[in-house]
């Protein structure tokens, strides 16, 4: 039972922080927050993603490139230009490393206005840190695993971030339905979206990239959006004007009253 709780908790936490902090805050700047709160969520992202921690700048740049060149040959992770998901993710890794490790500078329009904590970002991306996280995960399994077969889940913790990226980038542009006629081949994958924190509403997101709620129809549910509404209501985050429309204005009016 302890191993099952650990796997599910790690999955949910990694999905939340990657979507909330790296994607919606870092790449799209849908909302702002004070520096202490930003530091807290930055640290939470490091802890939740652990061995697969992603530098916010590297993530934001390749995600902005993805929106600008979605499903073209310049897209950092389109499934339509790679023979399989492994090739796509290896190419994504190469693109990420170019910018996360400052090996190449992107066009100015893809950089800037990104959360930065240089000390933590350097530590988080070192192999020594990733190996240390492996030690943490292994220790947990040594203490709490009740059968040898539970060890098959151990490698999942090391590559949690890439697993999420593979699911969203591959499935979100190959399988499912479309609400909007976009220039790319993005799709919504409803049945699995709750597991991915709203990230598999790719067609909705590509139609309205700065909209905070990734769901667009009454039967669609973006599980992270209500959390964002709560954080806005209690004053942790402040919406940007383009993030949501009426719901955002209502939140800000309640806080000002």
Protein backbone atom coordinates (compact mmCIF):
# COMPACT_ATOMS: atom_id res chain seq x y z
CA UNK A 1 0.00 0.00 0.00
CA UNK A 2 2.80 2.45 0.86
CA UNK A 3 4.43 1.94 -2.54
CA UNK A 4 1.12 2.51 -4.34
CA UNK A 5 0.54 5.73 -2.40
CA UNK A 6 4.08 6.88 -3.17
CA UNK A 7 3.75 6.22 -6.91
CA UNK A 8 0.38 7.96 -7.19
CA UNK A 9 1.46 10.89 -5.02
CA UNK A 10 4.64 11.42 -7.02
CA UNK A 11 2.69 11.24 -10.29
CA UNK A 12 0.06 13.77 -9.17
CA UNK A 13 2.59 16.17 -7.64
CA UNK A 14 4.86 16.09 -10.70
CA UNK A 15 1.92 16.66 -13.06
CA UNK A 16 0.63 19.55 -10.96
CA UNK A 17 3.91 21.43 -10.64
CA UNK A 18 4.90 20.86 -14.25
CA UNK A 19 1.53 22.13 -15.49
CA UNK A 20 0.95 24.90 -12.94
CA UNK A 21 4.46 26.30 -12.51
CA UNK A 22 6.49 25.38 -15.58
CA UNK A 23 3.74 25.49 -18.20
CA UNK A 24 1.03 27.93 -17.16
CA UNK A 25 3.21 30.29 -15.11
CA UNK A 26 6.66 29.91 -16.63
CA UNK A 27 5.95 29.45 -20.33
CA UNK A 28 2.65 31.33 -20.73
CA UNK A 29 2.73 33.76 -17.79
CA UNK A 30 -1.03 33.37 -17.27
CA UNK A 31 -0.69 34.84 -13.79
CA UNK A 32 1.79 36.56 -11.53
CA UNK A 33 2.69 35.97 -7.89
CA UNK A 34 4.93 37.56 -5.30
CA UNK A 35 8.58 36.53 -5.21
CA UNK A 36 8.21 34.49 -1.97
CA UNK A 37 5.30 32.52 -3.43
CA UNK A 38 7.18 32.04 -6.69
CA UNK A 39 10.18 30.72 -4.78
CA UNK A 40 7.94 28.32 -2.86
CA UNK A 41 6.38 26.89 -6.03
CA UNK A 42 9.81 26.79 -7.69
CA UNK A 43 11.11 24.73 -4.77
CA UNK A 44 7.99 22.57 -4.91
CA UNK A 45 8.69 21.88 -8.58
CA UNK A 46 12.22 20.76 -7.72
CA UNK A 47 10.97 18.40 -4.99
CA UNK A 48 8.02 17.05 -6.98
CA UNK A 49 9.96 16.38 -10.18
CA UNK A 50 13.06 15.24 -8.33
CA UNK A 51 15.42 13.33 -10.59
CA UNK A 52 13.65 14.62 -13.72
CA UNK A 53 13.65 18.29 -12.70
CA UNK A 54 13.40 20.72 -15.61
CA UNK A 55 14.92 24.19 -15.71
CA UNK A 56 12.03 26.69 -16.15
CA UNK A 57 13.91 28.64 -18.81
CA UNK A 58 14.72 25.59 -20.91
CA UNK A 59 11.13 24.37 -20.56
CA UNK A 60 9.60 27.74 -21.42
CA UNK A 61 11.72 28.29 -24.51
CA UNK A 62 11.02 24.94 -26.14
CA UNK A 63 7.33 25.24 -25.24
CA UNK A 64 7.12 28.67 -26.84
CA UNK A 65 8.88 27.24 -29.90
CA UNK A 66 6.32 24.43 -29.92
CA UNK A 67 3.45 26.91 -30.11
CA UNK A 68 5.14 29.03 -32.75
CA UNK A 69 5.99 26.07 -35.01
CA UNK A 70 3.45 23.46 -33.92
CA UNK A 71 3.69 20.26 -35.97
CA UNK A 72 6.13 21.75 -38.48
CA UNK A 73 9.72 20.57 -38.85
CA UNK A 74 10.81 23.32 -36.43
CA UNK A 75 8.56 22.01 -33.63
CA UNK A 76 10.79 20.66 -30.81
CA UNK A 77 8.44 17.74 -30.16
CA UNK A 78 5.90 17.02 -32.88
CA UNK A 79 5.06 13.30 -33.23
CA UNK A 80 4.55 13.80 -36.97
CA UNK A 81 8.26 14.19 -37.70
CA UNK A 82 9.64 11.23 -35.76
CA UNK A 83 9.20 7.47 -36.33
CA UNK A 84 8.34 6.71 -32.70
CA UNK A 85 7.89 8.29 -29.30
CA UNK A 86 11.45 7.47 -28.24
CA UNK A 87 12.94 9.38 -31.18
CA UNK A 88 10.66 12.33 -30.49
CA UNK A 89 11.63 12.49 -26.82
CA UNK A 90 15.35 12.19 -27.57
CA UNK A 91 15.03 15.09 -29.99
CA UNK A 92 13.10 17.01 -27.29
CA UNK A 93 15.91 16.32 -24.84
CA UNK A 94 18.51 17.71 -27.26
CA UNK A 95 16.43 20.84 -27.86
CA UNK A 96 15.90 21.35 -24.14
CA UNK A 97 19.58 20.96 -23.30
CA UNK A 98 20.58 23.57 -25.88
CA UNK A 99 18.67 26.25 -23.98
CA UNK A 100 18.63 24.96 -20.40
CA UNK A 101 22.44 24.73 -20.37
CA UNK A 102 22.88 28.01 -22.25
CA UNK A 103 24.57 26.37 -25.22
CA UNK A 104 22.50 28.44 -27.62
CA UNK A 105 20.45 31.62 -27.41
CA UNK A 106 16.94 31.60 -28.88
CA UNK A 107 15.26 34.46 -30.70
CA UNK A 108 14.43 37.22 -28.24
CA UNK A 109 10.69 36.63 -28.58
CA UNK A 110 11.03 33.15 -27.06
CA UNK A 111 13.08 34.25 -24.04
CA UNK A 112 12.47 36.46 -21.04
CA UNK A 113 9.83 36.85 -18.33
CA UNK A 114 10.61 33.37 -16.99
CA UNK A 115 10.99 32.31 -13.32
CA UNK A 116 14.66 32.03 -12.41
CA UNK A 117 16.46 30.74 -9.35
CA UNK A 118 20.01 30.19 -10.65
CA UNK A 119 21.32 28.31 -7.64
CA UNK A 120 18.44 25.85 -7.53
CA UNK A 121 18.32 25.42 -11.31
CA UNK A 122 22.03 24.56 -11.43
CA UNK A 123 21.71 22.10 -8.54
CA UNK A 124 18.56 20.53 -9.93
CA UNK A 125 20.14 19.67 -13.28
CA UNK A 126 23.39 18.16 -12.02
CA UNK A 127 23.81 14.43 -12.41
CA UNK A 128 24.97 14.22 -8.80
CA UNK A 129 21.58 15.60 -7.74
CA UNK A 130 19.68 13.20 -9.98
CA UNK A 131 21.65 10.27 -8.57
CA UNK A 132 20.95 11.52 -5.04
CA UNK A 133 17.22 11.47 -5.83
CA UNK A 134 17.62 7.90 -7.06
CA UNK A 135 19.08 7.10 -3.65
CA UNK A 136 16.03 8.65 -1.97
CA UNK A 137 13.62 6.64 -4.11
CA UNK A 138 15.57 3.42 -3.65
CA UNK A 139 15.70 3.88 0.11
CA UNK A 140 11.93 4.29 0.23
CA UNK A 141 11.43 1.05 -1.68
CA UNK A 142 13.91 -0.80 0.50
CA UNK A 143 11.97 0.26 3.60
CA UNK A 144 8.38 -0.01 2.38
CA UNK A 145 8.23 -2.48 -0.52
CA UNK A 146 6.55 -5.70 0.57
CA UNK A 147 7.28 -7.75 -2.54
CA UNK A 148 10.01 -7.85 -5.19
CA UNK A 149 7.61 -7.07 -8.06
CA UNK A 150 6.95 -3.61 -6.61
CA UNK A 151 10.49 -2.68 -7.64
CA UNK A 152 9.31 -2.46 -11.25
CA UNK A 153 7.87 0.97 -10.35
CA UNK A 154 11.21 2.32 -9.11
CA UNK A 155 12.55 3.49 -12.52
CA UNK A 156 9.33 5.45 -13.07
CA UNK A 157 10.36 7.96 -10.40
CA UNK A 158 13.62 8.71 -12.20
CA UNK A 159 11.93 9.65 -15.48
CA UNK A 160 8.58 10.98 -14.27
CA UNK A 161 8.91 14.25 -16.21
CA UNK A 162 9.85 12.62 -19.54
CA UNK A 163 6.96 10.14 -19.15
CA UNK A 164 4.51 13.01 -18.80
CA UNK A 165 6.09 14.84 -21.73
CA UNK A 166 5.91 11.77 -23.94
CA UNK A 167 2.23 11.18 -23.17
CA UNK A 168 1.19 14.80 -23.74
CA UNK A 169 3.32 15.54 -26.79
CA UNK A 170 2.73 12.23 -28.58
CA UNK A 171 -0.91 11.53 -27.75
CA UNK A 172 -2.00 15.17 -27.74
CA UNK A 173 -1.12 15.56 -31.41
CA UNK A 174 -2.15 12.13 -32.68
CA UNK A 175 -5.23 10.77 -30.90
CA UNK A 176 -8.62 12.10 -29.90
CA UNK A 177 -11.04 14.73 -31.14
CA UNK A 178 -10.84 18.37 -32.17
CA UNK A 179 -13.04 21.22 -30.98
CA UNK A 180 -11.30 23.84 -33.11
CA UNK A 181 -9.85 24.03 -36.61
CA UNK A 182 -6.25 24.97 -35.87
CA UNK A 183 -3.32 25.09 -38.26
CA UNK A 184 -1.62 22.23 -36.45
CA UNK A 185 -2.81 18.68 -35.69
CA UNK A 186 -3.48 19.07 -31.97
CA UNK A 187 -6.21 16.96 -30.38
CA UNK A 188 -8.03 16.44 -27.10
CA UNK A 189 -7.68 13.05 -25.40
CA UNK A 190 -10.58 13.13 -22.95
CA UNK A 191 -10.41 9.71 -21.29
CA UNK A 192 -6.85 10.17 -20.04
CA UNK A 193 -6.87 13.89 -19.35
CA UNK A 194 -7.57 13.71 -15.62
CA UNK A 195 -4.33 11.76 -15.23
CA UNK A 196 -2.45 14.58 -16.95
CA UNK A 197 -3.88 17.60 -15.16
CA UNK A 198 -5.69 19.06 -18.17
CA UNK A 199 -2.61 18.91 -20.39
CA UNK A 200 -4.20 16.56 -22.92
CA UNK A 201 -6.70 19.20 -24.02
CA UNK A 202 -4.09 20.12 -26.58
CA UNK A 203 -6.49 21.29 -29.28
CA UNK A 204 -8.22 23.64 -26.85
CA UNK A 205 -4.88 24.91 -25.61
CA UNK A 206 -3.48 25.53 -29.08
CA UNK A 207 -6.62 27.45 -30.04
CA UNK A 208 -6.41 29.62 -26.89
CA UNK A 209 -2.81 29.28 -25.64
CA UNK A 210 -3.11 31.89 -22.89
CA UNK A 211 -6.47 30.77 -21.53
CA UNK A 212 -6.11 29.45 -17.99
CA UNK A 213 -8.87 26.84 -18.28
CA UNK A 214 -7.76 24.17 -20.76
CA UNK A 215 -11.29 22.72 -20.89
CA UNK A 216 -13.63 24.29 -23.45
CA UNK A 217 -16.85 22.24 -23.41
CA UNK A 218 -19.24 21.36 -20.61
CA UNK A 219 -18.14 17.72 -20.41
CA UNK A 220 -14.43 18.61 -20.27
CA UNK A 221 -12.70 19.06 -16.91
CA UNK A 222 -9.35 20.72 -16.33
CA UNK A 223 -8.54 19.60 -12.75
CA UNK A 224 -5.85 22.23 -12.18
CA UNK A 225 -8.03 25.18 -13.13
CA UNK A 226 -10.16 25.08 -9.92
CA UNK A 227 -6.94 25.05 -7.92
CA UNK A 228 -5.83 28.16 -9.77
CA UNK A 229 -9.19 29.82 -9.10
CA UNK A 230 -8.76 29.08 -5.39
CA UNK A 231 -5.22 30.44 -5.36
CA UNK A 232 -6.48 33.58 -7.10
CA UNK A 233 -9.35 34.00 -4.66
CA UNK A 234 -7.07 33.80 -1.60
CA UNK A 235 -4.55 36.16 -3.18
CA UNK A 236 -1.65 33.84 -3.97
CA UNK A 237 -1.78 34.51 -7.73
CA UNK A 238 -3.06 37.43 -9.81
CA UNK A 239 -4.47 36.74 -13.26
CA UNK A 240 -3.15 38.46 -16.31
CA UNK A 241 -5.78 40.13 -18.45
CA UNK A 242 -5.61 37.56 -21.25
CA UNK A 243 -5.82 34.51 -19.01
CA UNK A 244 -9.51 33.97 -18.64
CA UNK A 245 -12.07 36.70 -19.19
CA UNK A 246 -15.15 36.94 -16.99
CA UNK A 247 -14.11 34.38 -14.39
CA UNK A 248 -10.79 36.16 -13.91
CA UNK A 249 -12.39 39.58 -13.58
CA UNK A 250 -14.83 38.14 -11.05
CA UNK A 251 -11.99 36.70 -8.98
CA UNK A 252 -10.10 39.98 -8.93
CA UNK A 253 -13.24 41.95 -8.07
CA UNK A 254 -13.91 39.70 -5.07
CA UNK A 255 -10.39 40.17 -3.81
CA UNK A 256 -10.60 43.96 -4.19
CA UNK A 257 -13.97 44.20 -2.39
